[in-house]
Protein backbone atom coordinates (compact mmCIF):
# COMPACT_ATOMS: atom_id res chain seq x y z
CA MET A 1 0.00 0.00 0.00
CA ASP A 2 1.49 3.42 -0.96
CA THR A 3 1.79 6.31 1.50
CA ILE A 4 -1.31 8.20 0.32
CA SER A 5 -3.45 5.06 0.39
CA SER A 6 -2.19 4.30 3.90
CA HIS A 7 -3.09 7.78 5.13
CA THR A 8 -6.50 7.54 3.44
CA ALA A 9 -7.21 4.30 5.28
CA LYS A 10 -6.41 5.98 8.60
CA LEU A 11 -8.69 8.91 7.75
CA LEU A 12 -11.50 6.53 6.85
CA SER A 13 -11.19 4.74 10.19
CA LEU A 14 -11.27 8.00 12.15
CA VAL A 15 -14.21 9.69 10.44
CA LYS A 16 -16.37 6.67 9.60
CA ASP A 17 -19.98 7.21 10.73
CA LYS A 18 -19.17 10.64 12.20
CA LYS A 19 -22.06 13.09 11.85
CA ILE A 20 -21.12 16.27 9.95
CA PHE A 21 -23.41 19.30 9.92
CA LEU A 22 -22.64 21.38 6.81
CA VAL A 23 -23.90 24.97 6.40
CA ASP A 24 -23.58 26.85 3.10
CA ASP A 25 -26.00 29.04 1.16
CA SER A 26 -24.65 27.54 -2.10
CA ARG A 27 -26.57 24.36 -2.83
CA SER A 28 -24.09 23.35 -5.53
CA TYR A 29 -21.10 23.64 -3.17
CA GLY A 30 -23.06 21.89 -0.44
CA ALA A 31 -23.90 19.00 -2.75
CA GLY A 32 -20.27 18.61 -3.81
CA MET A 33 -18.90 18.72 -0.26
CA THR A 34 -21.61 16.33 0.94
CA GLU A 35 -20.51 13.83 -1.70
CA ILE A 36 -16.87 14.13 -0.60
CA LEU A 37 -17.71 13.69 3.07
CA ARG A 38 -19.88 10.67 2.39
CA SER A 39 -17.12 9.11 0.29
CA PHE A 40 -15.06 9.05 3.50
CA GLY A 41 -17.87 7.29 5.38
CA CYS A 42 -19.33 10.33 7.15
CA GLU A 43 -23.00 10.97 7.72
CA VAL A 44 -23.94 14.47 6.49
CA HIS A 45 -26.77 16.89 7.12
CA PHE A 46 -26.67 19.83 4.71
CA CYS A 47 -28.32 23.11 5.72
CA SER A 48 -28.67 25.76 3.00
CA LYS A 49 -30.49 28.27 5.23
CA PRO A 50 -28.11 29.61 7.89
CA LEU A 51 -30.91 31.11 9.98
CA ASN A 52 -32.27 27.57 10.45
CA ALA A 53 -28.86 26.11 11.30
CA LEU A 54 -29.10 26.22 15.09
CA GLU A 55 -32.49 24.53 15.17
CA GLU A 56 -31.50 21.84 12.66
CA ALA A 57 -28.14 21.17 14.33
CA THR A 58 -29.81 20.86 17.74
CA GLU A 59 -32.00 18.11 16.33
CA TYR A 60 -29.15 16.44 14.38
CA GLN A 61 -26.55 16.48 17.22
CA PRO A 62 -23.44 16.51 14.98
CA ASP A 63 -19.88 15.45 15.80
CA VAL A 64 -18.49 18.31 13.65
CA ILE A 65 -19.92 21.54 12.24
CA MET A 66 -18.64 22.94 8.93
CA SER A 67 -19.74 26.37 7.75
CA ASP A 68 -19.21 28.87 4.96
CA PHE A 69 -17.83 32.26 6.01
CA GLU A 70 -19.85 34.63 3.82
CA MET A 71 -23.59 34.02 3.67
CA PRO A 72 -26.40 36.47 2.87
CA GLU A 73 -28.67 36.05 5.90
CA ILE A 74 -26.00 35.67 8.58
CA ASN A 75 -22.27 35.18 8.21
CA GLY A 76 -20.35 32.20 9.53
CA PRO A 77 -18.74 33.87 12.57
CA GLU A 78 -22.05 35.31 13.81
CA MET A 79 -23.75 31.95 13.38
CA ILE A 80 -20.94 30.27 15.32
CA ARG A 81 -21.35 32.72 18.20
CA ARG A 82 -24.95 31.56 18.47
CA PHE A 83 -23.82 27.95 18.51
CA ARG A 84 -21.29 28.59 21.25
CA CYS A 85 -23.98 30.16 23.44
CA GLU A 86 -25.62 26.73 23.64
CA GLU A 87 -24.09 24.30 26.13
CA VAL A 88 -24.65 21.32 23.83
CA PHE A 89 -22.30 22.85 21.23
CA LEU A 90 -19.50 24.04 23.52
CA LEU A 91 -17.25 21.08 22.71
CA VAL A 92 -18.39 20.42 19.14
CA PRO A 93 -15.53 21.15 16.68
CA ILE A 94 -16.33 23.89 14.16
CA LEU A 95 -14.51 24.35 10.85
CA ILE A 96 -15.05 27.42 8.67
CA LEU A 97 -14.51 27.10 4.93
CA THR A 98 -13.96 30.32 3.04
CA GLY A 99 -13.06 31.56 -0.43
CA ARG A 100 -10.09 33.44 1.01
CA ALA A 101 -8.39 33.05 4.39
CA ASP A 102 -6.65 36.37 4.92
CA GLU A 103 -5.49 37.53 8.35
CA SER A 104 -8.66 39.45 9.24
CA ARG A 105 -10.91 36.51 8.38
CA ILE A 106 -8.78 34.09 10.34
CA LEU A 107 -8.92 36.34 13.42
CA GLU A 108 -12.67 36.88 13.10
CA ALA A 109 -13.36 33.17 12.64
CA ILE A 110 -11.27 32.04 15.61
CA SER A 111 -12.51 34.82 17.90
CA SER A 112 -16.10 33.84 17.12
CA GLY A 113 -15.52 30.33 18.43
CA ALA A 114 -14.41 28.40 15.35
CA ASP A 115 -11.65 25.84 15.89
CA GLU A 116 -10.17 26.00 12.39
CA ILE A 117 -10.51 27.91 9.12
CA MET A 118 -9.55 26.63 5.66
CA THR A 119 -10.03 27.77 2.10
CA LYS A 120 -12.66 26.04 0.00
CA ASP A 121 -10.09 25.07 -2.61
CA SER A 122 -8.11 23.01 -0.06
CA LYS A 123 -7.46 19.41 -1.06
CA GLN A 124 -10.14 17.05 0.21
CA HIS A 125 -7.60 14.94 2.10
CA ALA A 126 -6.36 18.08 3.87
CA ILE A 127 -9.91 18.97 4.90
CA MET A 128 -10.55 15.44 6.15
CA ALA A 129 -7.26 15.44 8.05
CA LYS A 130 -8.29 18.69 9.74
CA ILE A 131 -11.65 17.17 10.70
CA CYS A 132 -9.86 14.14 12.18
CA ALA A 133 -7.57 16.39 14.22
CA MET A 134 -10.55 18.33 15.58
CA ILE A 135 -12.39 15.13 16.51
CA ARG A 136 -9.33 13.80 18.34
CA LEU A 137 -9.00 17.06 20.29
CA ARG A 138 -12.72 17.01 21.10
CA ASN A 139 -12.41 13.47 22.44
CA LEU A 140 -9.46 14.46 24.63
CA ASN A 141 -11.39 17.44 26.01
CA LYS A 142 -14.39 15.25 26.76
CA ALA A 143 -12.21 12.67 28.48
CA ALA A 144 -10.57 15.37 30.61
CA ALA A 145 -13.95 16.83 31.59
CA LYS A 146 -15.28 13.37 32.45
CA SER A 147 -12.21 12.65 34.58
CA LYS A 148 -12.76 15.86 36.55
CA GLN A 149 -16.40 14.93 37.11
CA TRP A 150 -15.38 11.49 38.39
CA ASP A 151 -12.86 13.03 40.79
CA ALA A 152 -15.63 15.29 42.10
CA VAL A 153 -17.94 12.31 42.61
CA LYS A 154 -15.27 10.44 44.57
CA ALA A 155 -14.62 13.51 46.73
CA MET A 156 -18.36 13.84 47.40
CA ILE A 157 -18.59 10.16 48.37
CA GLY A 158 -15.74 10.67 50.84
CA THR A 159 -17.46 13.68 52.41
CA TYR A 160 -20.84 11.97 52.79
CA LYS A 161 -19.22 8.78 54.11
CA HIS A 162 -17.45 10.80 56.79
CA GLU A 163 -20.60 12.68 57.84
CA PHE A 164 -22.75 9.55 57.77
CA GLY A 165 -20.12 7.69 59.78
CA ASN A 166 -20.09 10.38 62.49
CA VAL A 167 -23.87 10.17 62.90
CA LEU A 168 -23.74 6.38 63.02
CA THR A 169 -21.02 6.45 65.71
CA ILE A 170 -23.20 8.70 67.88
CA LEU A 171 -26.23 6.42 67.42
CA GLU A 172 -24.21 3.31 68.24
CA GLY A 173 -22.78 4.97 71.35
CA ASN A 174 -26.19 5.96 72.67
CA TYR A 175 -27.60 2.52 71.90
CA LYS A 176 -24.83 0.85 73.93
CA ARG A 177 -25.43 3.22 76.86
CA LEU A 178 -29.12 2.34 76.87
CA GLU A 179 -28.23 -1.33 76.53
CA ARG A 180 -25.91 -1.17 79.58
CA ALA A 181 -28.63 0.60 81.54
CA ASN A 182 -30.96 -2.34 80.78
CA HIS A 183 -33.36 -0.18 78.84
CA PHE A 184 -33.30 -2.78 76.08
CA GLU A 185 -34.18 -6.40 76.45
CA THR A 186 -33.04 -9.06 74.00
CA THR A 187 -36.11 -8.50 71.88
CA ASP A 188 -36.62 -8.86 68.16
CA PRO A 189 -36.75 -5.04 67.53
CA ALA A 190 -33.51 -4.51 69.45
CA VAL A 191 -31.78 -7.27 67.50
CA LYS A 192 -32.95 -5.74 64.23
CA VAL A 193 -31.55 -2.35 65.28
CA LYS A 194 -28.15 -3.90 65.96
CA GLU A 195 -28.28 -5.73 62.62
CA SER A 196 -29.06 -2.41 60.92
CA PHE A 197 -25.92 -0.87 62.43
CA VAL A 198 -23.83 -3.72 61.01
CA ARG A 199 -25.47 -3.31 57.63
CA ILE A 200 -24.84 0.45 57.56
CA ARG A 201 -21.18 -0.13 58.45
CA ASP A 202 -20.97 -2.56 55.54
CA ILE A 203 -22.43 0.06 53.19
CA LEU A 204 -19.87 2.63 54.39
CA LYS A 205 -17.04 0.19 53.67
CA LYS A 206 -18.34 -0.31 50.15
CA LEU A 207 -18.62 3.45 49.61
CA ASP A 208 -15.02 3.78 50.73
CA ALA A 209 -13.99 1.05 48.25
CA LEU A 210 -15.85 2.87 45.47
CA ARG A 211 -13.55 5.88 45.89
CA ASP A 212 -10.60 3.71 44.86
CA TYR A 213 -12.27 2.56 41.63
CA GLU A 214 -11.26 4.02 38.32
CA GLU A 215 -14.11 5.37 36.23
CA SER A 216 -13.75 2.62 33.60
CA GLU A 217 -14.05 -0.03 36.32
CA TYR A 218 -17.10 1.62 37.85
CA THR A 219 -19.01 2.14 34.61
CA GLY A 220 -18.12 -1.35 33.41
CA SER A 221 -19.66 -3.07 36.41
CA ASP A 222 -22.25 -2.19 39.01
CA LYS A 223 -21.19 -4.89 41.45
CA ILE A 224 -19.78 -2.34 43.87
CA LEU A 225 -23.29 -0.93 44.32
CA LYS A 226 -24.93 -4.24 45.11
CA ILE A 227 -25.50 -4.27 48.88
CA SER A 228 -26.65 -7.75 49.87
């Protein structure tokens, strides 16, 4: 396999089945780019009316957004600002395609929230490579955000375990004092209370063990949550 064919195979594996949302007021350009994207295995939703883009993209939930720069109803940068105001699109990669990428356009595109800007006459492999790079970066950002969330969950578990444990210690202490003062007989309710203390201690141990789990272990199995 030659070098270009090898690189093409890698591109195909990275973008296969990825959902691309394409915005351009030119139907002919949109049709041509849609054909290119689909030839690489992407799913494509083409929007020729920029004012409808936010609504259509919200329904489509794309992996990548591609947009023209100059459009009659609303230009690319302004449309992107609207996308970035929506939480669901904060981490979605956005690529602007333009007829000319001079310094002012590059600055305007990036400042509006676009991740990359390329000229429309760029080679298709270069465009696909850029899309792959943006997807990889998006995945890394998502993984980092997820890791932070998991760390927060583990910290919260530790806090609640500590507070719950303090309350349980107080309850156990008072129960033993009453027991020594013969306020409790060896009755079924008293036995059940003592069994409940043991059970709660067992739950606290399992919560403590959960803090040591990696996220992949936790999401792959729910055994740690099964209190029998």
